[in-house]
Amino acid sequence: MPDESANPASSRPAGGEPQPSDAGAVQDLVRQVIALYTERILAERRSADPDEAHLQELMEGQRACIADQQRLRSADLGPAEVEQVAARYAALYARLTTG
């Protein structure tokens, strides 16, 4: 997972809203981020002159998300770890949708 600052937010981040704290809500947020990566990967591949380095970066980010998604599904994470994942993905979602 790319380094992101922990900015608490909801599964559809908007300033000041609480972040999801249950694993199901966090899984939804991770799925949303994976979908954003998928859209960007497809757009990059379809561009007239795809940037291979950027494409690789996007694919690495997506793979990290999938790994986190699998960790969440395995139920091996405690509540504190789920909250950390939620904060990271809220920040990543915000970065991907505003930047």
Protein backbone atom coordinates (compact mmCIF):
# COMPACT_ATOMS: atom_id res chain seq x y z
CA MET A 1 0.00 0.00 0.00
CA PRO A 2 1.48 3.38 -0.90
CA ASP A 3 2.30 5.59 2.08
CA GLU A 4 -0.59 7.89 2.90
CA SER A 5 -1.14 10.08 5.90
CA ALA A 6 -3.94 8.96 8.19
CA ASN A 7 -6.81 11.35 7.58
CA PRO A 8 -9.98 9.95 9.16
CA ALA A 9 -12.95 10.03 6.80
CA SER A 10 -16.00 7.97 5.89
CA SER A 11 -16.18 5.36 3.15
CA ARG A 12 -17.03 8.28 0.87
CA PRO A 13 -14.56 10.71 2.41
CA ALA A 14 -15.78 14.20 3.10
CA GLY A 15 -14.17 16.56 5.54
CA GLY A 16 -14.61 15.72 9.18
CA GLU A 17 -16.81 12.63 8.86
CA PRO A 18 -15.79 9.56 10.89
CA GLN A 19 -13.92 6.76 9.18
CA PRO A 20 -15.48 3.30 8.88
CA SER A 21 -14.52 1.17 11.86
CA ASP A 22 -16.03 -2.20 11.02
CA ALA A 23 -14.30 -4.58 8.64
CA GLY A 24 -17.25 -4.67 6.21
CA ALA A 25 -17.25 -0.91 5.73
CA VAL A 26 -13.47 -0.90 5.35
CA GLN A 27 -13.73 -3.68 2.75
CA ASP A 28 -16.20 -1.50 0.82
CA LEU A 29 -13.75 1.39 0.94
CA VAL A 30 -10.91 -0.84 -0.28
CA ARG A 31 -13.14 -2.06 -3.14
CA GLN A 32 -13.81 1.57 -4.11
CA VAL A 33 -10.08 2.32 -4.20
CA ILE A 34 -9.44 -0.82 -6.29
CA ALA A 35 -12.12 0.37 -8.71
CA LEU A 36 -10.44 3.79 -8.96
CA TYR A 37 -7.10 2.13 -9.70
CA THR A 38 -8.80 -0.05 -12.35
CA GLU A 39 -10.29 3.03 -14.04
CA ARG A 40 -6.91 4.78 -14.08
CA ILE A 41 -5.10 1.69 -15.37
CA LEU A 42 -7.58 1.32 -18.22
CA ALA A 43 -7.36 5.02 -19.06
CA GLU A 44 -3.56 4.87 -19.12
CA ARG A 45 -3.57 1.78 -21.33
CA ARG A 46 -6.01 3.44 -23.74
CA SER A 47 -4.06 6.69 -24.00
CA ALA A 48 -2.28 7.47 -27.25
CA ASP A 49 1.12 7.37 -25.53
CA PRO A 50 0.84 5.31 -22.32
CA ASP A 51 3.39 6.10 -19.63
CA GLU A 52 4.74 2.66 -18.71
CA ALA A 53 6.26 3.86 -15.42
CA HIS A 54 2.95 5.41 -14.35
CA LEU A 55 1.09 2.29 -15.45
CA GLN A 56 3.40 0.12 -13.35
CA GLU A 57 2.91 2.43 -10.36
CA LEU A 58 -0.87 2.16 -10.72
CA MET A 59 -0.70 -1.62 -11.01
CA GLU A 60 1.53 -1.88 -7.93
CA GLY A 61 -0.93 0.26 -5.98
CA GLN A 62 -3.80 -1.94 -7.10
CA ARG A 63 -1.92 -5.11 -6.11
CA ALA A 64 -1.27 -3.66 -2.65
CA CYS A 65 -4.99 -2.92 -2.31
CA ILE A 66 -5.87 -6.47 -3.27
CA ALA A 67 -3.43 -7.79 -0.66
CA ASP A 68 -5.04 -5.57 1.98
CA GLN A 69 -8.48 -6.72 0.86
CA GLN A 70 -7.42 -10.34 1.38
CA ARG A 71 -6.03 -9.51 4.83
CA LEU A 72 -9.36 -7.90 5.79
CA ARG A 73 -11.28 -10.95 4.56
CA SER A 74 -9.06 -13.31 6.53
CA ALA A 75 -10.21 -11.71 9.80
CA ASP A 76 -6.63 -11.79 11.07
CA LEU A 77 -6.70 -8.06 11.83
CA GLY A 78 -7.64 -6.67 15.20
CA PRO A 79 -9.79 -3.55 15.64
CA ALA A 80 -6.77 -1.23 15.82
CA GLU A 81 -5.37 -2.64 12.57
CA VAL A 82 -8.76 -2.31 10.86
CA GLU A 83 -8.87 1.34 11.93
CA GLN A 84 -5.36 1.90 10.54
CA VAL A 85 -6.37 0.36 7.21
CA ALA A 86 -9.53 2.50 7.22
CA ALA A 87 -7.54 5.68 7.78
CA ARG A 88 -5.01 4.81 5.05
CA TYR A 89 -7.72 4.02 2.53
CA ALA A 90 -9.79 7.07 3.37
CA ALA A 91 -6.73 9.20 2.66
CA LEU A 92 -5.91 7.26 -0.51
CA TYR A 93 -9.52 7.53 -1.74
CA ALA A 94 -9.46 11.28 -1.14
CA ARG A 95 -6.12 11.62 -2.99
CA LEU A 96 -7.34 9.56 -5.95
CA THR A 97 -10.62 11.44 -6.26
CA THR A 98 -9.25 14.95 -5.81
CA GLY A 99 -5.85 14.69 -7.45
